Amino acid sequence: MIFIDTNIFLRYFEREDESTYRKVERLFTEIVNGNIIGISTSLVIAEVIWGLYIKFIPNFFRYGYLPF
């Protein structure tokens, strides 16, 4: 069993470093395939939403679109 913390989700969604993204993608694939049990909390999900909001929403108000 592995705990998935905020930074793991953010590395996946932000995809700033391709090497780290691939590692997290493999981890999520193992979880989806049932080879690893992954757990998290509602607080982590709230932090992920906040982190993505802070990163992307200012661009929406500045440029009128999201960069993805």
Protein backbone atom coordinates (compact mmCIF):
# COMPACT_ATOMS: atom_id res chain seq x y z
CA MET A 1 0.00 0.00 0.00
CA ILE A 2 1.32 3.42 -0.95
CA PHE A 3 0.09 6.87 0.06
CA ILE A 4 -0.26 9.26 -2.86
CA ASP A 5 0.52 12.77 -1.64
CA THR A 6 -0.20 16.12 -3.29
CA ASN A 7 3.17 16.43 -5.00
CA ILE A 8 2.68 13.13 -6.85
CA PHE A 9 -0.62 14.28 -8.34
CA LEU A 10 0.80 17.70 -9.21
CA ARG A 11 3.85 16.19 -10.95
CA TYR A 12 1.43 14.20 -13.10
CA PHE A 13 -1.00 17.00 -13.93
CA GLU A 14 1.57 19.78 -14.39
CA ARG A 15 3.93 17.59 -16.48
CA GLU A 16 6.83 20.03 -16.07
CA ASP A 17 9.54 17.36 -15.97
CA GLU A 18 9.09 14.53 -18.47
CA SER A 19 11.16 12.02 -16.47
CA THR A 20 9.15 12.58 -13.30
CA TYR A 21 5.92 12.51 -15.27
CA ARG A 22 6.79 9.08 -16.71
CA LYS A 23 7.60 7.68 -13.24
CA VAL A 24 4.28 8.91 -11.84
CA GLU A 25 2.46 7.60 -14.91
CA ARG A 26 3.98 4.14 -14.31
CA LEU A 27 2.92 4.31 -10.66
CA PHE A 28 -0.66 5.20 -11.60
CA THR A 29 -0.70 2.42 -14.20
CA GLU A 30 0.37 -0.09 -11.54
CA ILE A 31 -2.41 1.16 -9.26
CA VAL A 32 -5.04 0.97 -12.02
CA ASN A 33 -3.88 -2.55 -12.93
CA GLY A 34 -4.25 -3.63 -9.29
CA ASN A 35 -0.55 -4.38 -8.74
CA ILE A 36 -0.23 -1.65 -6.09
CA ILE A 37 -2.84 -0.31 -3.69
CA GLY A 38 -2.82 3.49 -3.70
CA ILE A 39 -4.56 5.59 -1.08
CA SER A 40 -4.98 9.31 -0.52
CA THR A 41 -7.19 11.71 1.43
CA SER A 42 -9.74 14.38 0.70
CA LEU A 43 -7.25 16.96 2.02
CA VAL A 44 -4.74 15.88 -0.62
CA ILE A 45 -7.38 16.23 -3.34
CA ALA A 46 -8.23 19.72 -2.05
CA GLU A 47 -4.52 20.66 -2.15
CA VAL A 48 -4.25 19.35 -5.72
CA ILE A 49 -7.25 21.41 -6.81
CA TRP A 50 -5.82 24.49 -5.11
CA GLY A 51 -2.36 23.97 -6.63
CA LEU A 52 -3.78 23.62 -10.13
CA TYR A 53 -6.13 26.56 -9.58
CA ILE A 54 -3.29 28.85 -8.51
CA LYS A 55 -1.18 27.78 -11.48
CA PHE A 56 -3.76 27.93 -14.28
CA ILE A 57 -6.63 30.27 -13.34
CA PRO A 58 -4.57 33.52 -13.45
CA ASN A 59 -3.80 32.71 -17.12
CA PHE A 60 -7.51 32.31 -17.77
CA PHE A 61 -8.26 35.80 -16.46
CA ARG A 62 -5.22 37.29 -18.21
CA TYR A 63 -5.53 35.59 -21.61
CA GLY A 64 -9.10 34.28 -21.68
CA TYR A 65 -8.17 30.60 -22.02
CA LEU A 66 -6.53 27.76 -20.12
CA PRO A 67 -3.17 26.54 -21.46
CA PHE A 68 -4.21 22.90 -21.95
